[in-house]
N, C-alpha and C. Protein backbone atom coordinates (compact mmCIF):
# COMPACT_ATOMS: atom_id res chain seq x y z
N MET A 1 90.08 -57.54 83.20
CA MET A 1 90.41 -56.13 83.16
C MET A 1 89.21 -55.30 83.62
N ASP A 2 89.50 -54.28 84.41
CA ASP A 2 88.43 -53.39 84.82
C ASP A 2 88.68 -51.99 84.26
N TRP A 3 87.73 -51.12 84.48
CA TRP A 3 87.80 -49.75 83.99
C TRP A 3 88.04 -48.81 85.15
N VAL A 4 88.78 -47.76 84.89
CA VAL A 4 89.13 -46.76 85.90
C VAL A 4 88.58 -45.41 85.44
N LEU A 5 87.91 -44.71 86.35
CA LEU A 5 87.37 -43.38 86.08
C LEU A 5 88.33 -42.34 86.65
N VAL A 6 88.74 -41.41 85.81
CA VAL A 6 89.53 -40.26 86.25
C VAL A 6 88.64 -39.04 86.06
N LEU A 7 88.38 -38.33 87.16
CA LEU A 7 87.42 -37.23 87.17
C LEU A 7 88.10 -35.99 87.76
N THR A 8 87.88 -34.84 87.13
CA THR A 8 88.38 -33.58 87.70
C THR A 8 87.22 -32.62 87.88
N PHE A 9 87.32 -31.81 88.92
CA PHE A 9 86.35 -30.75 89.20
C PHE A 9 87.17 -29.52 89.52
N HIS A 10 86.96 -28.46 88.78
CA HIS A 10 87.70 -27.23 89.04
C HIS A 10 86.88 -26.02 88.61
N LEU A 11 87.35 -24.85 88.99
CA LEU A 11 86.70 -23.60 88.61
C LEU A 11 87.45 -22.99 87.44
N LEU A 12 86.69 -22.56 86.44
CA LEU A 12 87.30 -21.92 85.28
C LEU A 12 87.71 -20.50 85.65
N GLY A 13 88.90 -20.13 85.24
CA GLY A 13 89.40 -18.78 85.47
C GLY A 13 89.49 -18.03 84.17
N PRO A 14 90.14 -16.88 84.19
CA PRO A 14 90.33 -16.11 82.97
C PRO A 14 91.13 -16.91 81.93
N GLN A 15 90.92 -16.62 80.67
CA GLN A 15 91.63 -17.34 79.61
C GLN A 15 93.13 -17.24 79.84
N GLY A 16 93.81 -18.36 79.69
CA GLY A 16 95.24 -18.42 79.90
C GLY A 16 95.64 -18.78 81.31
N GLU A 17 94.67 -18.92 82.20
CA GLU A 17 94.94 -19.26 83.59
C GLU A 17 94.39 -20.65 83.89
N ILE A 18 95.20 -21.48 84.54
CA ILE A 18 94.74 -22.80 84.94
C ILE A 18 94.77 -22.87 86.46
N ARG A 19 93.63 -23.16 87.04
CA ARG A 19 93.55 -23.30 88.49
C ARG A 19 93.80 -24.75 88.84
N ASP A 20 93.97 -25.01 90.11
CA ASP A 20 94.26 -26.37 90.57
C ASP A 20 93.24 -27.36 90.03
N ILE A 21 93.77 -28.39 89.40
CA ILE A 21 92.92 -29.47 88.89
C ILE A 21 93.33 -30.73 89.64
N GLY A 22 92.59 -31.05 90.67
CA GLY A 22 92.89 -32.23 91.46
C GLY A 22 92.11 -33.42 90.94
N PRO A 23 92.79 -34.39 90.34
CA PRO A 23 92.06 -35.55 89.83
C PRO A 23 91.59 -36.48 90.95
N ASN A 24 90.47 -37.11 90.70
CA ASN A 24 89.96 -38.17 91.56
C ASN A 24 89.94 -39.43 90.73
N ILE A 25 90.46 -40.51 91.27
CA ILE A 25 90.58 -41.76 90.53
C ILE A 25 89.74 -42.82 91.22
N LEU A 26 88.81 -43.39 90.46
CA LEU A 26 87.89 -44.40 90.98
C LEU A 26 88.01 -45.66 90.15
N PRO A 27 88.63 -46.72 90.66
CA PRO A 27 88.78 -47.97 89.91
C PRO A 27 87.59 -48.90 90.14
N GLY A 28 87.58 -49.98 89.38
CA GLY A 28 86.67 -51.08 89.66
C GLY A 28 85.40 -51.18 88.85
N PHE A 29 85.31 -50.49 87.72
CA PHE A 29 84.12 -50.59 86.88
C PHE A 29 84.27 -51.78 85.93
N ALA A 30 83.20 -52.53 85.77
CA ALA A 30 83.25 -53.74 84.95
C ALA A 30 83.26 -53.43 83.45
N THR A 31 82.60 -52.35 83.06
CA THR A 31 82.52 -52.01 81.65
C THR A 31 82.72 -50.51 81.46
N GLU A 32 83.02 -50.11 80.23
CA GLU A 32 83.15 -48.69 79.92
C GLU A 32 81.81 -47.98 80.12
N ALA A 33 80.73 -48.68 79.80
CA ALA A 33 79.39 -48.08 79.94
C ALA A 33 79.07 -47.76 81.40
N THR A 34 79.40 -48.67 82.33
CA THR A 34 79.13 -48.39 83.75
C THR A 34 80.03 -47.28 84.26
N CYS A 35 81.25 -47.22 83.76
CA CYS A 35 82.18 -46.16 84.13
C CYS A 35 81.64 -44.80 83.67
N SER A 36 81.22 -44.71 82.42
CA SER A 36 80.68 -43.47 81.87
C SER A 36 79.39 -43.05 82.57
N SER A 37 78.55 -44.02 82.88
CA SER A 37 77.31 -43.73 83.59
C SER A 37 77.60 -43.15 84.97
N ALA A 38 78.54 -43.75 85.67
CA ALA A 38 78.93 -43.23 86.98
C ALA A 38 79.50 -41.83 86.86
N ALA A 39 80.33 -41.60 85.85
CA ALA A 39 80.93 -40.28 85.64
C ALA A 39 79.85 -39.22 85.42
N ASN A 40 78.87 -39.53 84.61
CA ASN A 40 77.78 -38.58 84.35
C ASN A 40 76.98 -38.29 85.62
N SER A 41 76.69 -39.32 86.38
CA SER A 41 75.94 -39.14 87.63
C SER A 41 76.73 -38.30 88.63
N ILE A 42 78.02 -38.58 88.76
CA ILE A 42 78.87 -37.82 89.68
C ILE A 42 78.97 -36.37 89.22
N ALA A 43 79.17 -36.15 87.92
CA ALA A 43 79.29 -34.79 87.39
C ALA A 43 78.02 -33.99 87.66
N GLU A 44 76.86 -34.59 87.42
CA GLU A 44 75.60 -33.91 87.68
C GLU A 44 75.46 -33.54 89.16
N SER A 45 75.84 -34.46 90.03
CA SER A 45 75.77 -34.20 91.48
C SER A 45 76.71 -33.08 91.88
N LEU A 46 77.95 -33.10 91.37
CA LEU A 46 78.91 -32.06 91.70
C LEU A 46 78.42 -30.69 91.26
N LEU A 47 77.87 -30.60 90.06
CA LEU A 47 77.39 -29.32 89.56
C LEU A 47 76.17 -28.83 90.34
N ARG A 48 75.30 -29.76 90.72
CA ARG A 48 74.13 -29.40 91.52
C ARG A 48 74.57 -28.88 92.89
N LEU A 49 75.51 -29.57 93.53
CA LEU A 49 76.01 -29.15 94.83
C LEU A 49 76.75 -27.82 94.74
N GLU A 50 77.49 -27.64 93.67
CA GLU A 50 78.21 -26.39 93.46
C GLU A 50 77.22 -25.24 93.28
N GLY A 51 76.11 -25.51 92.60
CA GLY A 51 75.06 -24.50 92.44
C GLY A 51 74.48 -24.08 93.78
N LYS A 52 74.30 -25.04 94.68
CA LYS A 52 73.80 -24.72 96.02
C LYS A 52 74.81 -23.87 96.79
N ALA A 53 76.08 -24.18 96.65
CA ALA A 53 77.12 -23.40 97.33
C ALA A 53 77.15 -21.97 96.79
N ARG A 54 77.02 -21.82 95.47
CA ARG A 54 76.99 -20.48 94.87
C ARG A 54 75.79 -19.69 95.40
N GLU A 55 74.66 -20.37 95.49
CA GLU A 55 73.44 -19.72 95.98
C GLU A 55 73.63 -19.23 97.42
N ARG A 56 74.22 -20.07 98.26
CA ARG A 56 74.47 -19.69 99.66
C ARG A 56 75.41 -18.49 99.75
N GLN A 57 76.29 -18.33 98.78
CA GLN A 57 77.23 -17.21 98.78
C GLN A 57 76.66 -15.97 98.08
N GLY A 58 75.43 -16.07 97.60
CA GLY A 58 74.79 -14.93 96.96
C GLY A 58 75.24 -14.68 95.53
N ILE A 59 75.79 -15.69 94.88
CA ILE A 59 76.23 -15.56 93.49
C ILE A 59 75.06 -15.94 92.58
N ALA A 60 74.70 -15.04 91.68
CA ALA A 60 73.57 -15.29 90.78
C ALA A 60 73.84 -16.50 89.88
N ARG A 61 72.79 -17.21 89.55
CA ARG A 61 72.92 -18.41 88.71
C ARG A 61 73.51 -18.10 87.35
N ASN A 62 73.18 -16.95 86.78
CA ASN A 62 73.66 -16.63 85.44
C ASN A 62 74.98 -15.86 85.47
N SER A 63 75.62 -15.78 86.63
CA SER A 63 76.90 -15.10 86.77
C SER A 63 78.02 -15.97 86.21
N ASP A 64 79.01 -15.34 85.59
CA ASP A 64 80.15 -16.11 85.09
C ASP A 64 81.27 -16.17 86.12
N LYS A 65 81.00 -15.75 87.34
CA LYS A 65 81.99 -15.77 88.40
C LYS A 65 82.27 -17.21 88.84
N SER A 66 83.50 -17.64 88.69
CA SER A 66 83.93 -18.97 89.12
C SER A 66 83.05 -20.08 88.56
N ILE A 67 83.01 -20.18 87.26
CA ILE A 67 82.20 -21.21 86.61
C ILE A 67 82.84 -22.58 86.84
N PRO A 68 82.07 -23.57 87.30
CA PRO A 68 82.63 -24.89 87.55
C PRO A 68 82.77 -25.70 86.26
N ALA A 69 83.72 -26.61 86.27
CA ALA A 69 83.91 -27.52 85.14
C ALA A 69 84.20 -28.92 85.68
N VAL A 70 83.57 -29.91 85.07
CA VAL A 70 83.82 -31.31 85.41
C VAL A 70 84.25 -32.01 84.13
N ASN A 71 85.37 -32.69 84.20
CA ASN A 71 85.87 -33.47 83.05
C ASN A 71 86.14 -34.89 83.53
N TYR A 72 85.99 -35.84 82.62
CA TYR A 72 86.30 -37.22 83.00
C TYR A 72 86.74 -38.03 81.79
N GLU A 73 87.43 -39.10 82.10
CA GLU A 73 87.77 -40.12 81.10
C GLU A 73 87.75 -41.48 81.79
N CYS A 74 87.36 -42.48 81.02
CA CYS A 74 87.40 -43.87 81.52
C CYS A 74 88.53 -44.59 80.77
N PHE A 75 89.36 -45.27 81.54
CA PHE A 75 90.49 -46.01 80.97
C PHE A 75 90.40 -47.47 81.34
N GLN A 76 90.82 -48.31 80.44
CA GLN A 76 90.87 -49.72 80.75
C GLN A 76 92.16 -50.00 81.52
N ASN A 77 92.02 -50.66 82.65
CA ASN A 77 93.16 -50.95 83.51
C ASN A 77 93.82 -52.26 83.07
N TRP A 78 95.06 -52.19 82.64
CA TRP A 78 95.80 -53.36 82.14
C TRP A 78 96.74 -53.87 83.22
N ARG A 79 96.21 -54.44 84.26
CA ARG A 79 97.06 -54.96 85.35
C ARG A 79 97.85 -56.15 84.92
């Protein structure tokens, strides 16, 4: 059995609003620990890259405009 990472990256909107949440599914992790480690590394990279994009658009770092969110879960694949 292997582990599958399900990861979402989206922008937070006003309370009560849900914006598109496109999941990304990455299979093939040998353990839950390697899956979680990969998820943390990917999340950090996504947020860092998103910060660069915000900077290029002139959005202040402490602005609450389009705050990014990364969520993930690791599941055991029962093939």
